[in-house]
């Protein structure tokens, strides 16, 4: 039946925030629609006064951009499982066993399974055993592959997708989303939120979309999860780095007349990490030098304040000494110890020079200069 595009909503299990529409693919489809029309139709279900498409999101987007107002839709009373299964099958047939397509399907099945678990619809014979791992590990590879919606997925792709969802923190967020979908009780919502809070993002799931081969994405992910990468490569740079690594591998392998391998990806990604670590070491060295200079400056200021305080105290003592010498009876003056007198005169010169240099430095708003008695003229 013909359905207005304005009435069509996407599959509720399709996550456009993390797996957005590929605009390059849409542009190709727009050209095709303009040349041959929109053919084949899409599948979906009616919900209230509107419709939900099970798959074909790129074609629907292309139809809108091509200026169509309606498309043909095969409308059936599809269940949630069927909606996800149709989307997964179309991802597999239209986009192939590429990482982005598999990741999209596995994320949808993960959320569906979590919804079934939290609403009590999961098979009773496996429920207790499954729940023991659900709140710690999330939804595993075997559960995805054995689910009716995932029966046609490939093992290597599912394995890589599950690992990506966990490393990126998406697994926990999908479980929280499922808890919100079923309007779970406060205790369950708290557990789901704690799962999100306790699973920091160490990898950007969107980086996986840069690769067509699951083994290549796995090699890149493993490189980004090394201690060096976690320390020196921010997660928000993973997508750009994944595209850079893919392009580098394609060029390198192309020059050799062969396809890129997972080893090529690992090598290229490791070089990126090493470069980032080297740059960071330079930055750390500069910061350490700056901090060392700051500490030296602060220490110098403290020492100069102490010297100034000592000189000011000495100035008071010298003034008292000068007064005492002036008041000393002339006939007894020569009885003073000559060495003591020499030290008093020398100290007076050091004191005067030191105070003069300190005051000059303060007037110039500079750090006070330390006084070196060895540089003073001898008396």
Protein backbone atom coordinates (compact mmCIF):
# COMPACT_ATOMS: atom_id res chain seq x y z
CA UNK A 1 0.00 0.00 0.00
CA UNK A 2 1.09 3.60 -0.61
CA UNK A 3 2.09 5.37 2.62
CA UNK A 4 2.91 9.03 3.02
CA UNK A 5 6.53 9.59 3.96
CA UNK A 6 5.39 12.08 6.58
CA UNK A 7 3.67 9.22 8.43
CA UNK A 8 6.63 6.82 8.47
CA UNK A 9 8.78 6.51 11.60
CA UNK A 10 11.99 4.45 11.81
CA UNK A 11 12.37 1.08 13.46
CA UNK A 12 12.27 1.79 17.23
CA UNK A 13 15.30 -0.49 17.71
CA UNK A 14 17.45 1.39 15.20
CA UNK A 15 19.98 3.62 17.05
CA UNK A 16 20.64 6.63 14.82
CA UNK A 17 22.74 8.45 17.41
CA UNK A 18 25.48 5.84 17.29
CA UNK A 19 24.85 4.39 13.83
CA UNK A 20 23.69 7.33 11.72
CA UNK A 21 22.45 7.27 8.14
CA UNK A 22 25.28 7.06 5.62
CA UNK A 23 24.74 10.19 3.55
CA UNK A 24 27.04 8.97 0.76
CA UNK A 25 24.84 5.88 0.34
CA UNK A 26 21.74 8.08 0.38
CA UNK A 27 23.19 10.25 -2.42
CA UNK A 28 23.68 7.15 -4.61
CA UNK A 29 20.11 6.05 -3.92
CA UNK A 30 18.74 9.50 -4.76
CA UNK A 31 20.41 9.27 -8.16
CA UNK A 32 18.93 5.80 -8.67
CA UNK A 33 15.43 6.97 -7.69
CA UNK A 34 15.65 9.92 -10.08
CA UNK A 35 16.67 7.59 -12.89
CA UNK A 36 14.51 4.49 -12.34
CA UNK A 37 12.04 5.43 -9.60
CA UNK A 38 11.47 3.94 -6.13
CA UNK A 39 10.97 0.22 -6.57
CA UNK A 40 10.80 -2.77 -4.28
CA UNK A 41 8.98 -1.02 -1.46
CA UNK A 42 9.73 -1.36 2.26
CA UNK A 43 8.31 -3.48 5.06
CA UNK A 44 6.74 -2.16 8.23
CA UNK A 45 3.86 -2.16 10.66
CA UNK A 46 1.10 0.23 11.64
CA UNK A 47 1.19 1.71 15.14
CA UNK A 48 -1.83 3.87 15.87
CA UNK A 49 -2.22 6.40 13.07
CA UNK A 50 1.41 6.11 11.97
CA UNK A 51 3.73 3.50 10.49
CA UNK A 52 7.10 2.09 11.52
CA UNK A 53 9.54 0.84 8.90
CA UNK A 54 11.28 -2.41 9.77
CA UNK A 55 14.20 -1.64 7.44
CA UNK A 56 15.01 0.42 4.36
CA UNK A 57 15.91 3.54 6.30
CA UNK A 58 18.43 4.68 3.70
CA UNK A 59 15.89 4.25 0.88
CA UNK A 60 13.23 6.16 2.81
CA UNK A 61 15.66 8.99 3.46
CA UNK A 62 16.63 9.00 -0.23
CA UNK A 63 12.94 9.11 -1.24
CA UNK A 64 12.45 12.20 0.90
CA UNK A 65 15.49 13.90 -0.62
CA UNK A 66 14.34 12.92 -4.11
CA UNK A 67 11.12 14.83 -3.51
CA UNK A 68 8.71 11.89 -3.26
CA UNK A 69 5.69 12.23 -0.99
CA UNK A 70 4.88 8.53 -0.55
CA UNK A 71 6.37 5.04 -1.01
CA UNK A 72 5.01 1.53 -1.26
CA UNK A 73 5.07 -0.30 2.09
CA UNK A 74 4.34 -3.94 2.83
CA UNK A 75 2.37 -3.47 6.05
CA UNK A 76 2.11 -6.49 8.38
CA UNK A 77 1.42 -7.03 12.06
CA UNK A 78 5.10 -7.55 12.84
CA UNK A 79 6.29 -8.28 16.39
CA UNK A 80 9.34 -6.59 17.88
CA UNK A 81 11.41 -9.71 17.18
CA UNK A 82 10.32 -9.70 13.54
CA UNK A 83 11.05 -5.97 13.20
CA UNK A 84 14.61 -6.50 14.43
CA UNK A 85 15.06 -9.69 12.36
CA UNK A 86 13.99 -7.92 9.15
CA UNK A 87 16.40 -5.06 9.87
CA UNK A 88 19.27 -7.49 10.58
CA UNK A 89 18.57 -9.50 7.41
CA UNK A 90 18.46 -6.39 5.24
CA UNK A 91 21.70 -5.13 6.80
CA UNK A 92 23.26 -8.45 5.86
CA UNK A 93 21.90 -8.58 2.30
CA UNK A 94 22.13 -4.90 1.38
CA UNK A 95 25.31 -3.92 3.20
CA UNK A 96 27.04 -7.28 3.60
CA UNK A 97 28.95 -8.60 6.60
CA UNK A 98 30.60 -5.24 7.14
CA UNK A 99 31.33 -4.06 10.65
CA UNK A 100 28.89 -1.14 10.63
CA UNK A 101 25.96 -3.29 9.46
CA UNK A 102 26.65 -6.05 11.98
CA UNK A 103 27.16 -3.55 14.78
CA UNK A 104 23.81 -1.94 13.95
CA UNK A 105 22.07 -5.33 14.05
CA UNK A 106 23.80 -6.57 17.21
CA UNK A 107 22.98 -3.32 19.05
CA UNK A 108 19.30 -3.69 18.11
CA UNK A 109 19.20 -7.35 19.20
CA UNK A 110 21.00 -6.48 22.44
CA UNK A 111 18.38 -3.89 23.31
CA UNK A 112 15.59 -6.32 22.32
CA UNK A 113 17.03 -9.09 24.50
CA UNK A 114 17.44 -6.69 27.42
CA UNK A 115 13.82 -5.62 26.97
CA UNK A 116 12.68 -9.24 27.00
CA UNK A 117 14.75 -9.96 30.12
CA UNK A 118 13.51 -6.96 32.07
CA UNK A 119 9.88 -7.52 31.09
CA UNK A 120 9.98 -11.23 32.01
CA UNK A 121 9.58 -12.50 28.42
CA UNK A 122 12.93 -14.27 28.25
CA UNK A 123 12.70 -18.13 28.04
CA UNK A 124 12.18 -19.47 31.55
CA UNK A 125 14.56 -22.41 31.14
CA UNK A 126 17.53 -20.09 30.62
CA UNK A 127 16.40 -17.06 32.61
CA UNK A 128 18.11 -17.79 35.94
CA UNK A 129 21.41 -18.84 34.37
CA UNK A 130 21.33 -15.85 32.04
CA UNK A 131 20.52 -13.31 34.76
CA UNK A 132 23.61 -14.29 36.74
CA UNK A 133 25.76 -12.74 33.99
CA UNK A 134 23.36 -10.12 32.66
CA UNK A 135 24.11 -7.42 35.24
CA UNK A 136 27.86 -7.94 35.03
CA UNK A 137 28.57 -8.92 31.41
CA UNK A 138 25.49 -7.72 29.52
CA UNK A 139 24.27 -9.68 26.49
CA UNK A 140 26.79 -12.18 25.14
CA UNK A 141 27.70 -13.48 21.69
CA UNK A 142 25.91 -16.82 22.07
CA UNK A 143 22.70 -15.12 23.15
CA UNK A 144 22.79 -12.90 20.05
CA UNK A 145 23.51 -15.79 17.67
CA UNK A 146 20.82 -18.02 19.22
CA UNK A 147 18.16 -15.31 19.20
CA UNK A 148 15.55 -15.58 16.39
CA UNK A 149 16.50 -12.10 15.18
CA UNK A 150 20.19 -13.00 14.92
CA UNK A 151 20.08 -16.47 13.39
CA UNK A 152 21.61 -15.29 10.08
CA UNK A 153 24.46 -13.24 11.55
CA UNK A 154 28.07 -14.38 11.25
CA UNK A 155 30.00 -15.45 14.33
CA UNK A 156 33.11 -13.34 13.71
CA UNK A 157 31.05 -10.21 13.11
CA UNK A 158 28.93 -10.74 16.23
CA UNK A 159 32.00 -11.44 18.34
CA UNK A 160 33.62 -8.18 17.22
CA UNK A 161 30.39 -6.21 17.64
CA UNK A 162 29.79 -7.45 21.20
CA UNK A 163 33.37 -6.57 22.17
CA UNK A 164 32.94 -3.11 20.64
CA UNK A 165 29.67 -2.49 22.48
CA UNK A 166 31.28 -3.42 25.79
CA UNK A 167 34.48 -1.40 25.28
CA UNK A 168 32.54 1.68 24.19
CA UNK A 169 30.11 1.52 27.10
CA UNK A 170 27.23 1.06 24.64
CA UNK A 171 26.24 -2.31 26.10
CA UNK A 172 25.41 -0.71 29.45
CA UNK A 173 23.57 2.19 27.80
CA UNK A 174 21.45 -0.20 25.72
CA UNK A 175 20.42 -2.03 28.90
CA UNK A 176 19.50 1.28 30.52
CA UNK A 177 17.48 2.18 27.40
CA UNK A 178 15.67 -1.16 27.64
CA UNK A 179 14.87 -0.50 31.31
CA UNK A 180 13.35 2.81 30.26
CA UNK A 181 11.40 1.10 27.45
CA UNK A 182 9.66 -1.30 29.85
CA UNK A 183 9.19 1.35 32.55
CA UNK A 184 11.17 -0.76 35.03
CA UNK A 185 10.84 -0.34 38.78
CA UNK A 186 13.14 1.94 40.77
CA UNK A 187 15.46 -0.87 41.87
CA UNK A 188 16.00 -2.10 38.30
CA UNK A 189 16.52 1.43 37.01
CA UNK A 190 19.12 1.99 39.73
CA UNK A 191 20.97 -1.20 38.73
CA UNK A 192 20.90 -0.20 35.06
CA UNK A 193 22.19 3.28 35.85
CA UNK A 194 24.93 1.82 38.06
CA UNK A 195 25.93 -0.41 35.15
CA UNK A 196 26.37 2.70 32.96
CA UNK A 197 28.22 4.62 35.65
CA UNK A 198 30.54 1.70 36.33
CA UNK A 199 31.46 1.09 32.69
CA UNK A 200 33.70 3.95 31.51
CA UNK A 201 34.02 4.53 27.79
CA UNK A 202 37.38 3.28 26.60
CA UNK A 203 36.54 3.02 22.90
CA UNK A 204 34.30 4.89 20.45
CA UNK A 205 31.91 2.43 18.80
CA UNK A 206 31.59 4.67 15.73
CA UNK A 207 35.26 4.00 14.95
CA UNK A 208 34.17 0.50 13.94
CA UNK A 209 32.23 1.91 10.98
CA UNK A 210 35.52 2.82 9.27
CA UNK A 211 36.27 -0.85 8.57
CA UNK A 212 34.57 -3.39 6.32
CA UNK A 213 36.36 -6.44 7.72
CA UNK A 214 35.64 -7.48 11.34
CA UNK A 215 39.25 -8.63 11.84
CA UNK A 216 40.51 -5.17 10.85
CA UNK A 217 38.19 -3.46 13.32
CA UNK A 218 39.29 -5.92 16.01
CA UNK A 219 42.96 -5.09 15.36
CA UNK A 220 42.28 -1.36 15.59
CA UNK A 221 40.15 -1.75 18.73
CA UNK A 222 42.83 -3.83 20.44
CA UNK A 223 45.43 -1.18 19.58
CA UNK A 224 43.22 1.55 21.06
CA UNK A 225 42.69 -0.48 24.25
CA UNK A 226 46.40 -0.90 25.03
CA UNK A 227 47.65 0.97 28.13
CA UNK A 228 49.69 3.35 25.96
CA UNK A 229 46.69 4.24 23.79
CA UNK A 230 44.40 4.65 26.79
CA UNK A 231 46.92 7.06 28.28
CA UNK A 232 47.83 9.10 25.21
CA UNK A 233 44.94 8.82 22.70
CA UNK A 234 41.61 10.45 23.73
CA UNK A 235 38.49 8.40 22.96
CA UNK A 236 37.01 11.30 20.99
CA UNK A 237 39.85 10.91 18.46
CA UNK A 238 39.16 7.22 17.73
CA UNK A 239 36.85 7.83 14.75
CA UNK A 240 39.28 10.14 12.96
CA UNK A 241 42.20 7.83 13.71
CA UNK A 242 40.27 4.80 12.44
CA UNK A 243 39.68 6.52 9.10
CA UNK A 244 43.34 7.57 8.97
CA UNK A 245 44.52 4.02 9.69
CA UNK A 246 42.15 2.52 7.11
CA UNK A 247 43.34 4.94 4.42
CA UNK A 248 46.99 4.32 5.30
CA UNK A 249 46.52 0.55 5.12
CA UNK A 250 44.66 0.78 1.81
CA UNK A 251 47.46 2.84 0.27
CA UNK A 252 50.20 0.62 1.67
CA UNK A 253 48.53 -2.61 0.57
CA UNK A 254 47.66 -1.10 -2.81
CA UNK A 255 51.31 -0.36 -3.52
CA UNK A 256 52.08 -4.01 -2.79
CA UNK A 257 49.26 -5.21 -5.03
CA UNK A 258 47.32 -6.96 -2.27
CA UNK A 259 44.51 -6.39 0.22
CA UNK A 260 45.22 -4.98 3.65
CA UNK A 261 45.49 -7.39 6.57
CA UNK A 262 44.68 -7.14 10.26
CA UNK A 263 48.44 -7.09 10.89
CA UNK A 264 48.71 -4.01 8.65
CA UNK A 265 45.95 -2.35 10.68
CA UNK A 266 47.61 -3.24 13.97
CA UNK A 267 50.96 -1.92 12.75
CA UNK A 268 49.46 1.37 11.47
CA UNK A 269 47.41 1.87 14.63
CA UNK A 270 50.44 1.15 16.82
CA UNK A 271 52.44 3.76 14.92
CA UNK A 272 49.70 6.30 15.60
CA UNK A 273 49.76 5.44 19.30
CA UNK A 274 53.54 5.66 19.42
CA UNK A 275 53.44 9.06 17.73
CA UNK A 276 50.80 10.30 20.16
CA UNK A 277 52.86 8.99 23.08
CA UNK A 278 55.97 10.76 21.74
CA UNK A 279 54.13 14.06 21.36
CA UNK A 280 52.70 13.65 24.83
CA UNK A 281 56.16 12.93 26.23
CA UNK A 282 57.41 16.18 24.71
CA UNK A 283 54.46 18.03 26.23
CA UNK A 284 55.02 16.32 29.59
CA UNK A 285 58.73 17.27 29.44
CA UNK A 286 57.86 20.90 28.73
CA UNK A 287 55.30 20.92 31.53
CA UNK A 288 57.79 19.33 33.92
CA UNK A 289 60.42 21.93 32.97
CA UNK A 290 57.90 24.69 33.55
CA UNK A 291 56.87 23.23 36.91
CA UNK A 292 60.54 22.87 37.88
CA UNK A 293 61.16 26.52 36.96
CA UNK A 294 58.12 27.51 38.98
CA UNK A 295 59.35 25.56 41.98
CA UNK A 296 62.82 27.09 41.65
CA UNK A 297 61.28 30.54 41.40
CA UNK A 298 59.12 29.97 44.45
CA UNK A 299 62.08 28.59 46.39
CA UNK A 300 64.20 31.59 45.36
CA UNK A 301 61.49 33.96 46.51
CA UNK A 302 61.27 32.21 49.88
CA UNK A 303 65.06 32.30 50.34
CA UNK A 304 65.21 35.97 49.34
CA UNK A 305 62.49 36.83 51.83
CA UNK A 306 64.51 35.08 54.50
CA UNK A 307 67.71 36.91 53.43
CA UNK A 308 65.88 40.21 53.46
CA UNK A 309 64.51 39.51 56.91
CA UNK A 310 68.00 38.59 58.15
CA UNK A 311 69.54 41.70 56.53
CA UNK A 312 66.93 43.95 58.06
CA UNK A 313 67.62 42.43 61.47
CA UNK A 314 71.35 42.86 60.85
CA UNK A 315 70.79 46.48 59.85
CA UNK A 316 69.26 47.17 63.24
CA UNK A 317 72.18 45.49 64.96
CA UNK A 318 74.70 47.51 62.89
CA UNK A 319 72.97 50.74 63.76
CA UNK A 320 73.27 49.86 67.45
CA UNK A 321 76.94 48.96 66.91
CA UNK A 322 77.66 52.28 65.17
CA UNK A 323 75.98 54.13 68.03
CA UNK A 324 78.03 52.16 70.56
CA UNK A 325 81.31 52.93 68.71
CA UNK A 326 80.50 56.63 68.57
CA UNK A 327 79.74 56.69 72.28
CA UNK A 328 82.82 54.65 73.20
CA UNK A 329 85.43 56.72 75.10
CA UNK A 330 88.24 57.70 72.72
CA UNK A 331 90.98 56.65 75.10
CA UNK A 332 89.48 53.11 75.32
CA UNK A 333 88.60 52.74 71.62
CA UNK A 334 91.93 51.15 70.66
CA UNK A 335 91.40 48.48 73.29
CA UNK A 336 88.73 46.91 71.03
CA UNK A 337 89.75 43.68 69.45
CA UNK A 338 91.09 44.62 65.98
CA UNK A 339 89.68 41.46 64.41
CA UNK A 340 86.21 42.16 65.81
CA UNK A 341 86.40 45.69 64.44
CA UNK A 342 87.41 44.39 60.97
CA UNK A 343 84.48 41.94 60.93
CA UNK A 344 82.10 44.69 61.96
CA UNK A 345 83.28 46.97 59.13
CA UNK A 346 83.11 44.15 56.55
CA UNK A 347 79.62 43.14 57.71
CA UNK A 348 78.55 46.75 57.36
CA UNK A 349 79.66 46.79 53.71
CA UNK A 350 77.96 43.47 52.96
CA UNK A 351 74.79 44.66 54.65
CA UNK A 352 74.73 47.91 52.74
CA UNK A 353 75.37 46.27 49.36
CA UNK A 354 72.84 43.51 49.99
CA UNK A 355 70.05 45.86 51.01
CA UNK A 356 70.80 48.15 48.07
CA UNK A 357 70.56 45.28 45.55
CA UNK A 358 67.40 43.87 47.14
CA UNK A 359 65.69 47.25 47.00
CA UNK A 360 66.79 47.80 43.42
CA UNK A 361 65.34 44.43 42.39
CA UNK A 362 62.07 45.16 44.16
CA UNK A 363 61.81 48.56 42.49
CA UNK A 364 62.29 46.86 39.12
CA UNK A 365 59.61 44.28 40.06
CA UNK A 366 62.11 41.47 39.62
CA UNK A 367 63.13 38.57 41.80
CA UNK A 368 65.59 39.70 44.51
CA UNK A 369 69.27 39.01 43.77
CA UNK A 370 71.27 36.93 46.20
CA UNK A 371 74.28 38.64 47.76
CA UNK A 372 77.64 36.95 47.25
CA UNK A 373 80.15 38.35 49.78
CA UNK A 374 83.06 37.08 47.63
CA UNK A 375 82.16 39.63 44.96
CA UNK A 376 82.39 42.59 47.33
CA UNK A 377 85.56 44.75 47.49
CA UNK A 378 87.88 43.97 50.31
CA UNK A 379 88.26 46.60 53.05
